Amino acid sequence: MHPRFYRLIEAHQRIDRALRDEQRRRRPDPFRLTQLKTLKLRVKDLMHRFARRSAHA
C-alpha cells in the first residue's frame, strides 16, 4: 500500500473517531460536528482520487 494512501486512511479514521466522540457528548457542538464531517468528506474524496489515479497508472 502506498504510504500517502495509508496516511489518508489513518486521517479518515482519526476524524471518524473524533466525530463519534463529539456526537457522544452531552451537548455536541454543532459547528465542530459540521467541521469534522466536512473534513472527513474531504479526506474521503482525496482517497478516491488517489485510488483512481493509481488504478489508471
C-alpha atoms as a PDB file:
ATOM      1  CA  MET A   1       0.000   0.000   0.000  1.00  0.00           C
ATOM      2  CA  HIS A   2       1.291   3.438  -0.897  1.00  0.00           C
ATOM      3  CA  PRO A   3       2.381   5.479   2.153  1.00  0.00           C
ATOM      4  CA  ARG A   4       0.263   8.503   1.182  1.00  0.00           C
ATOM      5  CA  PHE A   5      -2.862   6.387   0.831  1.00  0.00           C
ATOM      6  CA  TYR A   6      -2.144   4.785   4.192  1.00  0.00           C
ATOM      7  CA  ARG A   7      -1.823   8.238   5.809  1.00  0.00           C
ATOM      8  CA  LEU A   8      -5.154   9.260   4.282  1.00  0.00           C
ATOM      9  CA  ILE A   9      -6.800   6.154   5.742  1.00  0.00           C
ATOM     10  CA  GLU A  10      -5.331   6.934   9.153  1.00  0.00           C
ATOM     11  CA  ALA A  11      -6.523  10.544   8.958  1.00  0.00           C
ATOM     12  CA  HIS A  12     -10.016   9.395   7.958  1.00  0.00           C
ATOM     13  CA  GLN A  13     -10.131   7.039  10.945  1.00  0.00           C
ATOM     14  CA  ARG A  14      -8.919   9.740  13.363  1.00  0.00           C
ATOM     15  CA  ILE A  15     -11.555  12.177  12.101  1.00  0.00           C
ATOM     16  CA  ASP A  16     -14.245   9.496  12.338  1.00  0.00           C
ATOM     17  CA  ARG A  17     -13.228   8.768  15.933  1.00  0.00           C
ATOM     18  CA  ALA A  18     -13.316  12.478  16.822  1.00  0.00           C
ATOM     19  CA  LEU A  19     -16.730  12.781  15.172  1.00  0.00           C
ATOM     20  CA  ARG A  20     -18.127   9.868  17.183  1.00  0.00           C
ATOM     21  CA  ASP A  21     -16.642  11.301  20.392  1.00  0.00           C
ATOM     22  CA  GLU A  22     -18.237  14.675  19.714  1.00  0.00           C
ATOM     23  CA  GLN A  23     -21.617  13.065  18.971  1.00  0.00           C
ATOM     24  CA  ARG A  24     -21.485  11.182  22.294  1.00  0.00           C
ATOM     25  CA  ARG A  25     -21.042  14.358  24.310  1.00  0.00           C
ATOM     26  CA  ARG A  26     -23.998  15.540  26.325  1.00  0.00           C
ATOM     27  CA  ARG A  27     -24.176  18.751  24.283  1.00  0.00           C
ATOM     28  CA  PRO A  28     -22.314  18.273  20.991  1.00  0.00           C
ATOM     29  CA  ASP A  29     -21.023  21.414  19.346  1.00  0.00           C
ATOM     30  CA  PRO A  30     -22.888  21.749  16.011  1.00  0.00           C
ATOM     31  CA  PHE A  31     -20.068  23.818  14.490  1.00  0.00           C
ATOM     32  CA  ARG A  32     -17.479  21.170  15.442  1.00  0.00           C
ATOM     33  CA  LEU A  33     -19.704  18.399  14.034  1.00  0.00           C
ATOM     34  CA  THR A  34     -20.039  20.242  10.727  1.00  0.00           C
ATOM     35  CA  GLN A  35     -16.307  20.916  10.640  1.00  0.00           C
ATOM     36  CA  LEU A  36     -15.436  17.255  11.270  1.00  0.00           C
ATOM     37  CA  LYS A  37     -17.951  15.972   8.722  1.00  0.00           C
ATOM     38  CA  THR A  38     -16.613  18.345   6.076  1.00  0.00           C
ATOM     39  CA  LEU A  39     -13.029  17.343   6.815  1.00  0.00           C
ATOM     40  CA  LYS A  40     -13.936  13.649   6.724  1.00  0.00           C
ATOM     41  CA  LEU A  41     -15.580  14.061   3.295  1.00  0.00           C
ATOM     42  CA  ARG A  42     -12.573  15.986   2.005  1.00  0.00           C
ATOM     43  CA  VAL A  43     -10.198  13.194   3.063  1.00  0.00           C
ATOM     44  CA  LYS A  44     -12.530  10.566   1.580  1.00  0.00           C
ATOM     45  CA  ASP A  45     -12.538  12.450  -1.746  1.00  0.00           C
ATOM     46  CA  LEU A  46      -8.740  12.537  -1.706  1.00  0.00           C
ATOM     47  CA  MET A  47      -8.680   8.783  -1.071  1.00  0.00           C
ATOM     48  CA  HIS A  48     -10.958   8.163  -4.051  1.00  0.00           C
ATOM     49  CA  ARG A  49      -8.911  10.422  -6.322  1.00  0.00           C
ATOM     50  CA  PHE A  50      -5.698   8.730  -5.266  1.00  0.00           C
ATOM     51  CA  ALA A  51      -7.199   5.267  -5.849  1.00  0.00           C
ATOM     52  CA  ARG A  52      -8.464   6.269  -9.301  1.00  0.00           C
ATOM     53  CA  ARG A  53      -5.083   7.690 -10.298  1.00  0.00           C
ATOM     54  CA  SER A  54      -3.302   4.569  -9.055  1.00  0.00           C
ATOM     55  CA  ALA A  55      -5.662   2.295 -10.968  1.00  0.00           C
ATOM     56  CA  HIS A  56      -5.103   4.199 -14.228  1.00  0.00           C
ATOM     57  CA  ALA A  57      -1.327   4.466 -13.881  1.00  0.00           C
END
